[in-house]
Amino acid sequence: MVPFLLSDLCLKFPSLSLIGADFKVSEVVTDSRKVTLGSLYVPIKGERFDGHDFIEKALTQGAQGFLCDKDHLALYEKFKEQGYAIVVCDNTLEGLGLLGLYVRESIKNLKVVSITGSCGKTTVKELSAAILANRGKTQYTQGNFNNDVGVPLTLLSLNKDCEYAVIEQGASHPLDIQRTCRYVKSQVALINNAGGAHLEGFGSEYGIYKGKSEILDDVFSRDGIGIVPSVSPFYQNWQNDYKTQYQRGKLKFFGDKDSDFVKVSKIKASGMQVSFTLEVEGQKSSFTLLLAGEHNAYNAAAACALTMSIGANFEDVKKGLASISALKGRLHLEHLGKVNLIDDSYNASFNSVISALEVLKLQDGFKIFCFGDMGELGESALKLHQEVGRKALACADLVLCVGDKSLETVKECGSKAHHFASRQELIAFLEPYLTKDQVCVLTKGSHAMQMNEIAQYLREHCAC
């Protein structure tokens, strides 16, 4: 983090006002349980809690100051005479964003790229960071810090010697991306794909298209570059809606078309790796990645387009892609004695489930699909869980499901599938199959379904 004086922060952003003492901030925390001596505490309002209720606890544990909503007048009246620094704002979520923006803009010559999409964001982020690391000091979003709280915290974590920042921006509702764009201010922005996730929040596939395209509206407002997939049902929409930028070369495509800025071809997925060829600006090279599934060839093309639009060259791309292996919890293959585990339990959009099943289909031995409900699909939930069942029927030998919605998946699979009231019951049914000579188990489900518990059970009971 780049330290800064609260007085300088408030001078730059008139919507913030400083009451009480001034001090140089070198750490910002949003969790009162993680407060350290001399830190700045930012209370966040959630659905079931209000961080303002923990301000006194944060100060007791060593916080030197805090942000405070204007609605909590009594709080800053109480603490301003005790030597604490208090920054008053319209709301603390916006205040946190401005803290992140202050750090982001204090780093001279920083190049920022941003990534959104219905699935694959994290993989493209990791690939892009690996490529840009060959150009200079690179920092990027850690874990799932891609929302209204996570994006500002990522920006706050940037160091003064950072040259490239790769920021992941998630969204489950309209305007989610627009809000975080206000603080990211990227020079290049990429939509990896649009569709099949958060349908409940966006209302329709077209709603997802509009929501993801908020990142293009933002980057084009600063004459930056936007990158989107040509292998998308919204290919023509992007060309038409951003016709001026497309004609000026500011809207670029990646995919399998000859006209794409980055073209991917000759894709061959086998086991837990994928081979393909990338072509860009007259240069061409073949790659083999230790990542499973054809979709990862397109993720690599996306990362290539994103990074070469911010200053990387093709040699950087080659070195970066060569350094990547599977990410934990995301189509991660583990050999556990006789059992091979494909842990993709981190989360589940419809597209990512279909891709994971394609990977399972390529594996040797008896194939078991452990599946938990997909979330936030709205009125499409029934149809999409049925489609997963039809796909699983062709890719797995045994389908074990948990969650109310996956009952529809089981119906499509017939005698191949079983439904369970809990993960514990699923594990008990699964256990006898683990003694087979060659078994491959895929775990997949929304984060709330906690399918990682099944993956962890296999690690503990099947490892040599």
Protein backbone atom coordinates (compact mmCIF):
# COMPACT_ATOMS: atom_id res chain seq x y z
CA MET A 1 0.00 0.00 0.00
CA VAL A 2 1.05 3.59 -0.66
CA PRO A 3 0.72 5.53 2.65
CA PHE A 4 -1.22 8.80 2.57
CA LEU A 5 -2.43 11.54 4.91
CA LEU A 6 -6.15 11.65 5.56
CA SER A 7 -6.06 15.42 5.09
CA ASP A 8 -4.69 14.96 1.56
CA LEU A 9 -7.39 12.38 0.83
CA CYS A 10 -10.15 14.76 1.92
CA LEU A 11 -8.60 17.62 -0.01
CA LYS A 12 -8.79 15.57 -3.19
CA PHE A 13 -12.32 14.28 -2.61
CA PRO A 14 -14.64 17.02 -1.28
CA SER A 15 -17.34 14.46 -0.43
CA LEU A 16 -15.07 13.34 2.44
CA SER A 17 -14.43 15.51 5.49
CA LEU A 18 -11.89 15.02 8.27
CA ILE A 19 -12.86 15.48 11.89
CA GLY A 20 -10.35 15.16 14.72
CA ALA A 21 -6.71 14.20 14.32
CA ASP A 22 -4.88 13.68 11.05
CA PHE A 23 -2.55 10.73 10.46
CA LYS A 24 -0.73 8.86 7.72
CA VAL A 25 -2.64 5.72 6.74
CA SER A 26 -0.57 2.64 5.98
CA GLU A 27 -3.25 -0.04 6.44
CA VAL A 28 -7.00 -0.15 5.86
CA VAL A 29 -9.25 -2.86 7.30
CA THR A 30 -12.97 -3.57 6.92
CA ASP A 31 -13.14 -6.39 9.47
CA SER A 32 -12.98 -5.26 13.11
CA ARG A 33 -11.49 -8.65 14.02
CA LYS A 34 -8.44 -7.93 11.84
CA VAL A 35 -7.65 -4.43 13.08
CA THR A 36 -3.95 -3.75 13.70
CA LEU A 37 -2.24 -0.97 15.61
CA GLY A 38 -2.47 2.34 13.75
CA SER A 39 -4.84 1.12 11.02
CA LEU A 40 -7.85 2.88 9.53
CA TYR A 41 -11.12 1.00 10.06
CA VAL A 42 -13.84 1.22 7.40
CA PRO A 43 -17.22 -0.06 8.67
CA ILE A 44 -19.33 -1.62 5.93
CA LYS A 45 -23.08 -2.09 6.04
CA GLY A 46 -24.15 -5.62 5.09
CA GLU A 47 -27.53 -7.31 4.82
CA ARG A 48 -27.29 -8.72 8.34
CA PHE A 49 -24.84 -6.38 10.07
CA ASP A 50 -23.54 -2.83 10.20
CA GLY A 51 -19.81 -2.34 10.72
CA HIS A 52 -20.54 0.90 12.56
CA ASP A 53 -21.62 -1.27 15.49
CA PHE A 54 -17.99 -2.43 15.83
CA ILE A 55 -16.20 0.93 15.69
CA GLU A 56 -15.55 1.03 19.42
CA LYS A 57 -14.16 -2.51 19.29
CA ALA A 58 -11.87 -1.53 16.40
CA LEU A 59 -10.54 1.49 18.29
CA THR A 60 -9.97 -0.60 21.41
CA GLN A 61 -7.91 -3.02 19.33
CA GLY A 62 -5.66 -0.27 18.01
CA ALA A 63 -7.31 1.49 15.07
CA GLN A 64 -6.18 5.10 14.87
CA GLY A 65 -9.22 6.31 13.01
CA PHE A 66 -12.33 5.28 11.07
CA LEU A 67 -14.71 6.22 8.30
CA CYS A 68 -18.26 7.04 9.32
CA ASP A 69 -21.57 7.56 7.50
CA LYS A 70 -23.22 10.94 7.97
CA ASP A 71 -26.19 9.03 9.41
CA HIS A 72 -24.11 8.12 12.48
CA LEU A 73 -23.66 11.62 13.88
CA ALA A 74 -23.56 10.39 17.48
CA LEU A 75 -20.55 8.17 16.75
CA TYR A 76 -18.22 10.86 15.50
CA GLU A 77 -19.38 13.27 18.17
CA LYS A 78 -18.46 10.61 20.74
CA PHE A 79 -14.95 9.89 19.46
CA LYS A 80 -13.71 13.16 17.97
CA GLU A 81 -12.57 14.48 21.36
CA GLN A 82 -10.57 11.32 22.10
CA GLY A 83 -7.83 12.00 19.55
CA TYR A 84 -9.12 9.70 16.83
CA ALA A 85 -9.22 10.56 13.14
CA ILE A 86 -12.73 10.43 11.72
CA VAL A 87 -13.53 10.71 8.01
CA VAL A 88 -17.20 11.49 7.44
CA CYS A 89 -18.75 10.41 4.13
CA ASP A 90 -22.14 9.91 2.49
CA ASN A 91 -21.65 6.15 2.82
CA THR A 92 -18.64 4.11 3.80
CA LEU A 93 -18.76 1.80 0.77
CA GLU A 94 -18.20 4.81 -1.47
CA GLY A 95 -15.59 6.07 0.98
CA LEU A 96 -13.70 2.79 0.71
CA GLY A 97 -13.78 3.10 -3.07
CA LEU A 98 -12.29 6.59 -2.89
CA LEU A 99 -9.50 5.29 -0.66
CA GLY A 100 -8.68 2.73 -3.34
CA LEU A 101 -8.88 5.34 -6.09
CA TYR A 102 -6.52 7.63 -4.17
CA VAL A 103 -3.85 4.91 -4.03
CA ARG A 104 -4.46 3.88 -7.65
CA GLU A 105 -3.95 7.48 -8.86
CA SER A 106 -0.93 8.11 -6.64
CA ILE A 107 1.18 5.55 -8.52
CA LYS A 108 2.80 7.28 -11.45
CA ASN A 109 2.70 5.60 -14.87
CA LEU A 110 0.63 2.68 -13.54
CA LYS A 111 -0.96 0.60 -16.29
CA VAL A 112 -4.27 -0.99 -15.31
CA VAL A 113 -6.24 -3.70 -17.08
CA SER A 114 -9.62 -4.94 -15.92
CA ILE A 115 -11.45 -8.22 -16.50
CA THR A 116 -15.07 -9.26 -16.19
CA GLY A 117 -17.17 -12.11 -17.55
CA SER A 118 -19.69 -14.76 -16.60
CA CYS A 119 -16.96 -17.35 -16.03
CA GLY A 120 -13.22 -17.75 -16.51
CA LYS A 121 -12.35 -14.34 -15.02
CA THR A 122 -9.94 -15.75 -12.46
CA THR A 123 -8.10 -17.91 -14.99
CA VAL A 124 -7.69 -15.00 -17.42
CA LYS A 125 -6.53 -12.82 -14.53
CA GLU A 126 -3.85 -15.33 -13.53
CA LEU A 127 -2.72 -15.84 -17.13
CA SER A 128 -2.56 -12.09 -17.73
CA ALA A 129 -0.60 -11.46 -14.54
CA ALA A 130 1.89 -14.18 -15.49
CA ILE A 131 2.41 -12.55 -18.89
CA LEU A 132 2.76 -9.00 -17.58
CA ALA A 133 5.22 -10.12 -14.91
CA ASN A 134 7.71 -10.39 -17.77
CA ARG A 135 7.27 -6.64 -18.42
CA GLY A 136 7.55 -5.30 -14.89
CA LYS A 137 6.26 -5.37 -11.31
CA THR A 138 2.71 -6.75 -11.53
CA GLN A 139 -0.01 -6.99 -8.89
CA TYR A 140 -3.43 -8.52 -9.31
CA THR A 141 -6.69 -9.37 -7.58
CA GLN A 142 -6.25 -12.05 -4.95
CA GLY A 143 -8.93 -14.69 -4.41
CA ASN A 144 -12.45 -13.48 -5.09
CA PHE A 145 -11.88 -9.82 -4.19
CA ASN A 146 -13.88 -8.63 -7.20
CA ASN A 147 -16.92 -6.84 -5.71
CA ASP A 148 -17.72 -3.42 -4.20
CA VAL A 149 -15.50 -4.17 -1.20
CA GLY A 150 -12.88 -6.39 -2.81
CA VAL A 151 -12.01 -4.09 -5.73
CA PRO A 152 -11.13 -1.08 -3.51
CA LEU A 153 -9.14 -3.35 -1.17
CA THR A 154 -7.22 -4.65 -4.18
CA LEU A 155 -6.44 -1.09 -5.26
CA LEU A 156 -5.36 -0.23 -1.73
CA SER A 157 -2.91 -3.15 -1.78
CA LEU A 158 -0.97 -1.72 -4.74
CA ASN A 159 2.61 -0.68 -3.99
CA LYS A 160 4.33 2.45 -5.25
CA ASP A 161 6.67 0.40 -7.48
CA CYS A 162 3.79 -1.42 -9.18
CA GLU A 163 3.89 -1.06 -12.96
CA TYR A 164 0.95 -3.24 -14.01
CA ALA A 165 -2.29 -3.98 -12.15
CA VAL A 166 -4.73 -6.70 -13.23
CA ILE A 167 -8.13 -6.08 -11.64
CA GLU A 168 -11.00 -8.56 -11.69
CA GLN A 169 -14.50 -7.07 -11.57
CA GLY A 170 -17.46 -9.28 -10.77
CA ALA A 171 -21.15 -8.47 -11.04
CA SER A 172 -24.49 -10.06 -10.21
CA HIS A 173 -26.75 -7.04 -10.88
CA PRO A 174 -26.94 -4.07 -13.26
CA LEU A 175 -24.63 -1.18 -12.31
CA ASP A 176 -22.32 -3.41 -10.20
CA ILE A 177 -19.50 -3.01 -12.71
CA GLN A 178 -20.26 0.65 -13.30
CA ARG A 179 -19.68 1.35 -9.59
CA THR A 180 -16.31 -0.38 -9.37
CA CYS A 181 -15.17 1.10 -12.70
CA ARG A 182 -15.29 4.51 -11.01
CA TYR A 183 -12.29 3.45 -8.91
CA VAL A 184 -10.42 1.10 -11.28
CA LYS A 185 -10.12 3.42 -14.30
CA SER A 186 -8.44 0.85 -16.51
CA GLN A 187 -6.75 1.63 -19.81
CA VAL A 188 -7.75 -1.76 -21.26
CA ALA A 189 -10.86 -3.76 -20.31
CA LEU A 190 -11.89 -7.29 -21.28
CA ILE A 191 -15.18 -9.18 -21.21
CA ASN A 192 -14.28 -12.87 -21.25
CA ASN A 193 -17.85 -13.98 -21.97
CA ALA A 194 -21.43 -12.96 -21.26
CA GLY A 195 -24.20 -15.37 -20.29
CA GLY A 196 -25.17 -18.30 -18.07
CA ALA A 197 -24.45 -16.73 -14.67
CA HIS A 198 -26.39 -14.44 -12.30
CA LEU A 199 -29.50 -14.61 -14.49
CA GLU A 200 -31.61 -13.94 -11.41
CA GLY A 201 -29.92 -10.58 -10.84
CA PHE A 202 -29.69 -9.51 -14.48
CA GLY A 203 -33.06 -10.86 -15.57
CA SER A 204 -32.03 -12.25 -18.96
CA GLU A 205 -29.08 -13.15 -21.16
CA TYR A 206 -29.34 -9.72 -22.75
CA GLY A 207 -29.37 -8.18 -19.29
CA ILE A 208 -26.06 -9.92 -18.63
CA TYR A 209 -24.72 -8.53 -21.92
CA LYS A 210 -25.68 -4.99 -20.89
CA GLY A 211 -24.30 -5.45 -17.38
CA LYS A 212 -20.93 -6.78 -18.54
CA SER A 213 -20.72 -4.08 -21.21
CA GLU A 214 -20.66 -1.42 -18.51
CA ILE A 215 -16.92 -2.07 -18.42
CA LEU A 216 -16.71 -1.07 -22.11
CA ASP A 217 -18.73 2.10 -21.54
CA ASP A 218 -16.23 3.06 -18.87
CA VAL A 219 -13.00 2.32 -20.72
CA PHE A 220 -14.23 3.94 -23.95
CA SER A 221 -15.15 7.08 -21.98
CA ARG A 222 -11.38 7.55 -21.51
CA ASP A 223 -10.53 6.49 -25.10
CA GLY A 224 -9.18 3.16 -23.86
CA ILE A 225 -9.34 -0.28 -25.45
CA GLY A 226 -12.11 -2.85 -25.01
CA ILE A 227 -11.72 -6.55 -25.80
CA VAL A 228 -14.56 -9.05 -26.27
CA PRO A 229 -14.99 -12.63 -27.57
CA SER A 230 -16.03 -13.23 -31.17
CA VAL A 231 -17.32 -16.67 -30.14
CA SER A 232 -20.33 -15.10 -28.45
CA PRO A 233 -24.01 -14.72 -29.35
CA PHE A 234 -23.46 -11.00 -28.72
CA TYR A 235 -20.74 -10.61 -31.34
CA GLN A 236 -22.94 -8.43 -33.58
CA ASN A 237 -24.33 -6.50 -30.62
CA TRP A 238 -20.85 -5.35 -29.64
CA GLN A 239 -20.03 -4.37 -33.22
CA ASN A 240 -23.27 -2.40 -33.56
CA ASP A 241 -23.45 -0.85 -30.08
CA TYR A 242 -19.82 0.27 -30.20
CA LYS A 243 -19.55 0.90 -33.94
CA THR A 244 -17.37 4.00 -33.63
CA GLN A 245 -14.86 2.29 -31.33
CA TYR A 246 -14.82 -0.79 -33.57
CA GLN A 247 -14.07 1.30 -36.65
CA ARG A 248 -11.29 3.13 -34.78
CA GLY A 249 -9.67 -0.14 -33.66
CA LYS A 250 -10.50 0.48 -30.01
CA LEU A 251 -12.85 -2.53 -29.83
CA LYS A 252 -10.88 -5.73 -30.41
CA PHE A 253 -11.96 -9.36 -30.60
CA PHE A 254 -10.41 -12.68 -29.66
CA GLY A 255 -11.68 -16.05 -30.84
CA ASP A 256 -11.54 -18.33 -33.87
CA LYS A 257 -12.24 -15.83 -36.68
CA ASP A 258 -9.56 -14.79 -39.17
CA SER A 259 -10.45 -11.14 -38.52
CA ASP A 260 -9.88 -11.38 -34.74
CA PHE A 261 -7.03 -9.46 -33.12
CA VAL A 262 -6.02 -12.75 -31.47
CA LYS A 263 -7.07 -15.92 -33.25
CA VAL A 264 -7.01 -19.33 -31.58
CA SER A 265 -7.02 -22.52 -33.64
CA LYS A 266 -6.02 -26.20 -33.67
CA ILE A 267 -7.44 -26.73 -30.17
CA LYS A 268 -6.94 -30.20 -28.74
CA ALA A 269 -7.86 -31.05 -25.16
CA SER A 270 -6.65 -34.29 -23.60
CA GLY A 271 -6.64 -35.33 -19.97
CA MET A 272 -5.62 -32.30 -17.94
CA GLN A 273 -3.95 -30.22 -20.63
CA VAL A 274 -4.88 -28.33 -23.76
CA SER A 275 -2.90 -27.58 -26.92
CA PHE A 276 -3.67 -24.79 -29.38
CA THR A 277 -2.20 -22.18 -31.71
CA LEU A 278 -2.37 -18.43 -31.25
CA GLU A 279 -2.02 -15.89 -34.06
CA VAL A 280 -1.66 -12.16 -33.42
CA GLU A 281 -0.28 -9.32 -35.55
CA GLY A 282 1.41 -11.67 -38.01
CA GLN A 283 2.98 -13.81 -35.29
CA LYS A 284 2.03 -17.42 -34.68
CA SER A 285 2.98 -20.03 -32.10
CA SER A 286 1.76 -23.34 -30.67
CA PHE A 287 1.13 -23.79 -26.94
CA THR A 288 0.41 -26.58 -24.50
CA LEU A 289 -1.01 -25.53 -21.14
CA LEU A 290 -1.35 -27.63 -18.01
CA LEU A 291 -4.97 -26.52 -17.81
CA ALA A 292 -7.93 -28.74 -18.63
CA GLY A 293 -10.57 -28.10 -21.27
CA GLU A 294 -10.92 -26.41 -24.65
CA HIS A 295 -12.29 -23.30 -22.95
CA ASN A 296 -8.83 -22.61 -21.53
CA ALA A 297 -7.49 -22.11 -25.06
CA TYR A 298 -9.92 -19.21 -25.35
CA ASN A 299 -8.91 -17.97 -21.89
CA ALA A 300 -5.31 -17.91 -23.11
CA ALA A 301 -6.35 -15.99 -26.23
CA ALA A 302 -8.17 -13.50 -24.02
CA ALA A 303 -5.09 -12.99 -21.83
CA CYS A 304 -2.93 -12.59 -24.94
CA ALA A 305 -5.26 -9.90 -26.35
CA LEU A 306 -5.50 -8.07 -23.04
CA THR A 307 -1.80 -7.96 -22.27
CA MET A 308 -0.61 -7.16 -25.78
CA SER A 309 -3.03 -4.23 -25.77
CA ILE A 310 -1.27 -2.76 -22.71
CA GLY A 311 2.33 -3.23 -23.88
CA ALA A 312 3.32 -6.90 -23.70
CA ASN A 313 4.89 -8.58 -26.72
CA PHE A 314 4.42 -12.11 -28.04
CA GLU A 315 7.55 -13.37 -26.31
CA ASP A 316 6.09 -12.21 -22.99
CA VAL A 317 2.95 -14.16 -23.82
CA LYS A 318 4.95 -17.32 -24.52
CA LYS A 319 6.90 -17.06 -21.26
CA GLY A 320 3.83 -16.24 -19.20
CA LEU A 321 1.64 -19.04 -20.50
CA ALA A 322 4.46 -21.54 -20.05
CA SER A 323 4.58 -20.73 -16.33
CA ILE A 324 0.92 -21.49 -15.57
CA SER A 325 -0.51 -24.62 -13.97
CA ALA A 326 -4.03 -25.37 -12.70
CA LEU A 327 -5.53 -23.16 -9.99
CA LYS A 328 -6.64 -24.71 -6.73
CA GLY A 329 -10.39 -25.32 -6.70
CA ARG A 330 -10.70 -24.66 -10.44
CA LEU A 331 -10.44 -27.81 -12.56
CA HIS A 332 -7.49 -28.81 -10.42
CA LEU A 333 -6.39 -32.44 -10.91
CA GLU A 334 -5.06 -34.31 -7.90
CA HIS A 335 -3.84 -37.92 -7.87
CA LEU A 336 -5.06 -39.57 -4.68
CA GLY A 337 -3.98 -43.18 -4.86
CA LYS A 338 -6.43 -44.99 -7.15
CA VAL A 339 -8.65 -41.94 -7.29
CA ASN A 340 -8.15 -38.90 -9.49
CA LEU A 341 -9.93 -35.82 -8.18
CA ILE A 342 -10.89 -32.89 -10.41
CA ASP A 343 -11.64 -30.18 -7.89
CA ASP A 344 -13.74 -27.49 -9.54
CA SER A 345 -15.79 -26.82 -6.43
CA TYR A 346 -15.08 -23.11 -6.07
CA ASN A 347 -18.26 -22.01 -7.84
CA ALA A 348 -20.58 -22.97 -10.69
CA SER A 349 -22.08 -21.02 -13.55
CA PHE A 350 -23.88 -23.04 -16.23
CA ASN A 351 -21.08 -22.54 -18.76
CA SER A 352 -18.40 -23.60 -16.30
CA VAL A 353 -20.33 -26.78 -15.41
CA ILE A 354 -20.58 -27.76 -19.07
CA SER A 355 -16.86 -27.10 -19.54
CA ALA A 356 -16.00 -29.18 -16.46
CA LEU A 357 -18.07 -32.10 -17.76
CA GLU A 358 -16.18 -31.95 -21.06
CA VAL A 359 -12.97 -32.33 -19.07
CA LEU A 360 -14.38 -35.27 -17.08
CA LYS A 361 -15.34 -36.98 -20.33
CA LEU A 362 -11.69 -36.96 -21.43
CA GLN A 363 -10.47 -38.81 -18.32
CA ASP A 364 -9.68 -42.51 -18.07
CA GLY A 365 -11.49 -44.94 -15.79
CA PHE A 366 -14.88 -44.79 -14.04
CA LYS A 367 -16.15 -41.21 -14.09
CA ILE A 368 -18.19 -39.78 -11.18
CA PHE A 369 -19.82 -36.36 -11.21
CA CYS A 370 -20.60 -34.89 -7.76
CA PHE A 371 -22.87 -31.93 -8.40
CA GLY A 372 -24.48 -29.29 -6.21
CA ASP A 373 -27.05 -26.69 -7.26
CA MET A 374 -26.09 -23.73 -9.42
CA GLY A 375 -27.26 -20.45 -7.90
CA GLU A 376 -28.70 -17.11 -9.10
CA LEU A 377 -30.27 -18.47 -12.29
CA GLY A 378 -33.75 -17.04 -11.72
CA GLU A 379 -36.47 -18.40 -14.01
CA SER A 380 -33.87 -20.30 -16.05
CA ALA A 381 -32.83 -22.52 -13.12
CA LEU A 382 -35.11 -25.44 -14.02
CA LYS A 383 -34.12 -25.53 -17.68
CA LEU A 384 -30.38 -25.16 -17.04
CA HIS A 385 -30.26 -27.88 -14.38
CA GLN A 386 -32.01 -30.15 -16.86
CA GLU A 387 -29.44 -29.30 -19.51
CA VAL A 388 -26.66 -30.19 -17.06
CA GLY A 389 -28.35 -33.58 -16.61
CA ARG A 390 -28.38 -34.25 -20.34
CA LYS A 391 -24.72 -33.28 -20.60
CA ALA A 392 -23.76 -35.38 -17.57
CA LEU A 393 -25.50 -38.39 -19.08
CA ALA A 394 -23.01 -38.26 -21.96
CA CYS A 395 -19.92 -37.50 -19.88
CA ALA A 396 -20.16 -39.43 -16.59
CA ASP A 397 -20.74 -43.02 -15.50
CA LEU A 398 -22.31 -41.99 -12.19
CA VAL A 399 -23.98 -38.70 -11.19
CA LEU A 400 -24.41 -37.84 -7.49
CA CYS A 401 -26.36 -34.69 -6.68
CA VAL A 402 -27.26 -32.58 -3.68
CA GLY A 403 -29.56 -29.54 -3.54
CA ASP A 404 -33.19 -28.97 -4.48
CA LYS A 405 -32.57 -27.79 -8.04
CA SER A 406 -30.31 -30.71 -8.94
CA LEU A 407 -33.35 -33.00 -8.62
CA GLU A 408 -33.98 -31.90 -12.21
CA THR A 409 -30.48 -33.02 -13.15
CA VAL A 410 -31.09 -36.46 -11.67
CA LYS A 411 -34.34 -36.88 -13.62
CA GLU A 412 -32.49 -36.33 -16.90
CA CYS A 413 -29.81 -38.90 -16.05
CA GLY A 414 -32.13 -41.79 -15.16
CA SER A 415 -30.52 -44.79 -13.48
CA LYS A 416 -27.06 -43.23 -13.67
CA ALA A 417 -27.96 -40.60 -11.07
CA HIS A 418 -28.84 -40.41 -7.38
CA HIS A 419 -30.00 -37.52 -5.23
CA PHE A 420 -29.07 -36.96 -1.60
CA ALA A 421 -30.41 -34.80 1.20
CA SER A 422 -26.91 -33.84 2.36
CA ARG A 423 -23.25 -33.93 1.39
CA GLN A 424 -22.67 -36.49 4.15
CA GLU A 425 -25.17 -38.90 2.59
CA LEU A 426 -23.56 -38.36 -0.81
CA ILE A 427 -20.13 -39.16 0.60
CA ALA A 428 -21.43 -42.35 2.25
CA PHE A 429 -22.85 -43.53 -1.08
CA LEU A 430 -19.66 -42.55 -2.93
CA GLU A 431 -17.28 -44.37 -0.59
CA PRO A 432 -17.59 -47.94 -2.04
CA TYR A 433 -16.79 -46.68 -5.53
CA LEU A 434 -13.45 -45.31 -4.37
CA THR A 435 -11.94 -48.81 -4.22
CA LYS A 436 -12.20 -49.33 -7.97
CA ASP A 437 -8.91 -49.64 -9.84
CA GLN A 438 -9.30 -46.35 -11.68
CA VAL A 439 -11.80 -43.69 -10.65
CA CYS A 440 -12.09 -40.00 -11.53
CA VAL A 441 -14.31 -37.76 -9.42
CA LEU A 442 -15.38 -34.25 -10.46
CA THR A 443 -16.74 -31.97 -7.72
CA LYS A 444 -18.77 -28.98 -8.89
CA GLY A 445 -21.43 -26.67 -7.46
CA SER A 446 -22.15 -23.12 -6.41
CA HIS A 447 -20.04 -21.76 -3.57
CA ALA A 448 -23.00 -22.00 -1.17
CA MET A 449 -23.28 -25.76 -1.77
CA GLN A 450 -19.81 -26.29 -0.22
CA MET A 451 -18.85 -29.09 -2.59
CA ASN A 452 -15.26 -28.46 -1.48
CA GLU A 453 -16.13 -30.61 1.57
CA ILE A 454 -16.44 -33.61 -0.74
CA ALA A 455 -13.11 -32.77 -2.37
CA GLN A 456 -11.50 -32.46 1.05
CA TYR A 457 -12.95 -35.81 2.16
CA LEU A 458 -11.33 -37.46 -0.86
CA ARG A 459 -7.99 -35.87 -0.06
CA GLU A 460 -8.12 -37.16 3.51
CA HIS A 461 -9.32 -40.69 2.76
CA CYS A 462 -7.91 -41.58 -0.67
CA ALA A 463 -4.35 -40.23 -0.60
CA CYS A 464 -1.52 -42.77 -0.47
